[in-house]
Protein backbone atom coordinates (compact mmCIF):
# COMPACT_ATOMS: atom_id res chain seq x y z
CA MET A 1 36.87 1.30 2.79
CA GLY A 2 35.19 4.48 1.60
CA ASP A 3 32.88 2.43 -0.56
CA ASP A 4 31.82 0.16 2.45
CA VAL A 5 30.87 3.12 4.57
CA GLU A 6 28.85 4.72 1.77
CA ALA A 7 27.02 1.42 1.17
CA ALA A 8 26.30 1.09 4.89
CA MET A 9 24.90 4.63 4.85
CA ARG A 10 22.23 3.32 2.44
CA LEU A 11 20.88 0.65 4.86
CA HIS A 12 17.88 1.46 6.92
CA LEU A 13 16.29 -0.40 9.78
CA VAL A 14 12.69 0.27 9.42
CA GLY A 15 9.55 -0.10 11.63
CA GLY A 16 9.99 -1.44 15.13
CA PRO A 17 7.97 -1.21 18.28
CA GLY A 18 7.89 2.72 18.24
CA ALA A 19 6.43 2.99 14.69
CA ALA A 20 3.30 5.32 14.81
CA PHE A 21 0.13 4.59 13.00
CA GLU A 22 -2.30 6.94 11.18
CA ASP A 23 -5.91 6.25 11.09
CA GLY A 24 -7.86 6.87 7.80
CA ALA A 25 -10.70 5.77 5.47
CA PRO A 26 -11.47 5.92 1.85
CA ALA A 27 -13.28 9.17 0.76
CA PRO A 28 -16.88 8.70 1.13
CA GLU A 29 -17.65 9.09 -2.55
CA LEU A 30 -15.20 6.06 -3.20
CA ILE A 31 -16.89 3.62 -0.88
CA VAL A 32 -18.84 0.88 -2.69
CA GLU A 33 -19.80 -1.27 0.50
CA GLY A 34 -19.54 -1.06 4.20
CA ALA A 35 -17.59 1.54 6.17
CA PRO A 36 -13.92 0.39 5.84
CA THR A 37 -11.17 1.99 7.94
CA PHE A 38 -7.33 1.95 7.51
CA ARG A 39 -4.32 2.06 9.68
CA THR A 40 -1.06 3.08 8.15
CA SER A 41 2.48 3.02 9.53
CA VAL A 42 5.12 4.48 7.31
CA HIS A 43 8.38 2.96 8.12
CA TYR A 44 10.65 4.54 5.59
CA GLU A 45 10.30 7.46 3.13
CA SER A 46 13.01 8.16 0.50
CA PRO A 47 14.53 11.76 0.71
CA ASP A 48 12.63 12.63 -2.45
CA GLY A 49 9.39 11.32 -0.95
CA ARG A 50 8.74 8.87 -4.00
CA LEU A 51 9.51 5.61 -2.33
CA ILE A 52 7.34 4.70 0.82
CA THR A 53 7.34 1.48 2.79
CA GLY A 54 5.24 0.45 5.77
CA VAL A 55 2.37 -1.61 7.15
CA TRP A 56 -1.27 -1.08 6.20
CA SER A 57 -4.28 -2.65 7.54
CA ALA A 58 -8.03 -2.45 6.80
CA THR A 59 -11.42 -3.52 8.07
CA PRO A 60 -13.98 -4.98 5.78
CA GLY A 61 -15.70 -3.11 3.06
CA ALA A 62 -15.10 -2.06 -0.62
CA TRP A 63 -13.94 1.11 -2.31
CA ARG A 64 -12.85 2.28 -5.82
CA VAL A 65 -9.27 2.68 -6.41
CA ALA A 66 -7.20 4.36 -9.23
CA TYR A 67 -3.51 3.86 -9.14
CA ASP A 68 -0.93 6.22 -10.57
CA GLU A 69 1.92 4.64 -8.49
CA TRP A 70 3.52 1.20 -8.36
CA GLU A 71 2.79 -0.90 -5.42
CA TRP A 72 4.35 -4.16 -4.05
CA CYS A 73 2.48 -5.76 -1.09
CA ARG A 74 2.50 -9.01 0.75
CA LEU A 75 -0.68 -9.71 2.77
CA ARG A 76 0.32 -10.64 6.30
CA SER A 77 -3.26 -11.65 7.38
CA GLY A 78 -6.84 -11.53 6.14
CA ARG A 79 -8.41 -11.88 2.72
CA CYS A 80 -9.20 -9.30 0.07
CA VAL A 81 -10.33 -9.12 -3.54
CA LEU A 82 -9.07 -6.77 -6.33
CA THR A 83 -11.50 -6.37 -9.19
CA PRO A 84 -10.17 -4.50 -12.19
CA GLU A 85 -12.72 -2.25 -14.00
CA GLY A 86 -14.39 -4.54 -16.57
CA GLY A 87 -12.53 -7.51 -15.33
CA GLU A 88 -12.88 -10.55 -13.13
CA PRO A 89 -12.26 -10.38 -9.36
CA VAL A 90 -8.90 -11.82 -8.04
CA ASP A 91 -8.88 -13.27 -4.40
CA TYR A 92 -5.83 -12.77 -2.16
CA GLU A 93 -5.05 -14.20 1.25
CA ALA A 94 -2.35 -14.07 3.86
CA GLY A 95 1.01 -14.96 2.27
CA ASP A 96 0.07 -13.72 -1.18
CA THR A 97 2.16 -11.13 -2.76
CA ILE A 98 0.68 -8.53 -5.21
CA VAL A 99 2.25 -5.96 -7.55
CA ILE A 100 -0.20 -3.31 -8.72
CA GLU A 101 1.01 -1.15 -11.67
CA PRO A 102 0.07 2.42 -12.47
CA GLY A 103 -3.15 2.67 -14.39
CA PHE A 104 -4.98 -0.06 -12.32
CA VAL A 105 -8.54 1.07 -11.92
CA GLY A 106 -11.08 -1.03 -9.98
CA VAL A 107 -12.47 -2.04 -6.52
CA TRP A 108 -10.52 -3.09 -3.59
CA THR A 109 -12.67 -5.32 -1.34
CA VAL A 110 -11.52 -6.44 2.11
CA VAL A 111 -13.45 -9.61 2.84
CA GLU A 112 -11.67 -10.34 6.29
CA ALA A 113 -9.69 -7.67 8.17
CA CYS A 114 -6.33 -7.58 6.49
CA GLU A 115 -2.80 -6.35 7.11
CA LYS A 116 -0.09 -6.01 4.51
CA ASP A 117 3.48 -4.86 4.12
CA PHE A 118 3.89 -2.43 1.29
CA VAL A 119 6.30 -0.64 -0.94
CA VAL A 120 4.91 2.22 -3.05
CA MET A 121 6.92 4.08 -5.83
CA LEU A 122 5.20 7.45 -6.53
CA PRO A 123 5.47 8.75 -10.06
CA PRO A 124 8.20 11.38 -10.79
CA PRO A 125 6.97 14.97 -10.42
CA SER A 126 5.49 16.37 -13.59
CA ASP A 127 6.96 19.23 -15.39
CA ASP A 128 3.67 21.05 -15.06
CA ALA A 129 4.02 21.47 -11.23
C-alpha cells in the first residue's frame, strides 16, 4: 500500500478555472514584425523549477527565438510558422504537435492568433552558477 500512496502523491491536477495568466511580449530587440503579445498560465512547476507546464497564447507578429530548453507543445488554435536560422519555414496549425530542441535558433511567427499547451524542460543548473 505504501507504494500506491507514494505514486498518488506524484499525480497533479493542473490548470482549472482559477489559473492565473501573466501578460508579456518579446523584448523589443527581438521583434521582427508587428507588435506581438503573449499570455501565459503556468499550471505546474516542478520543485526544482526545471519542468514547467501550462497554456500560452500570442497575437500575430514575428520575433527571434533561441532555445536552450526542450519544449513540447500542441497548438489548440491558430496558425504559426517556425523558421530555423538558415532553413525553410515550417507551418503549424491547430492540432499540430511540436518538439523544439535546445539549440534551435530562428524566428517564431504567429500568422493567426494562437494558443498552445506546453511542457518545457529547462537545462540543469551549470556548475558556474
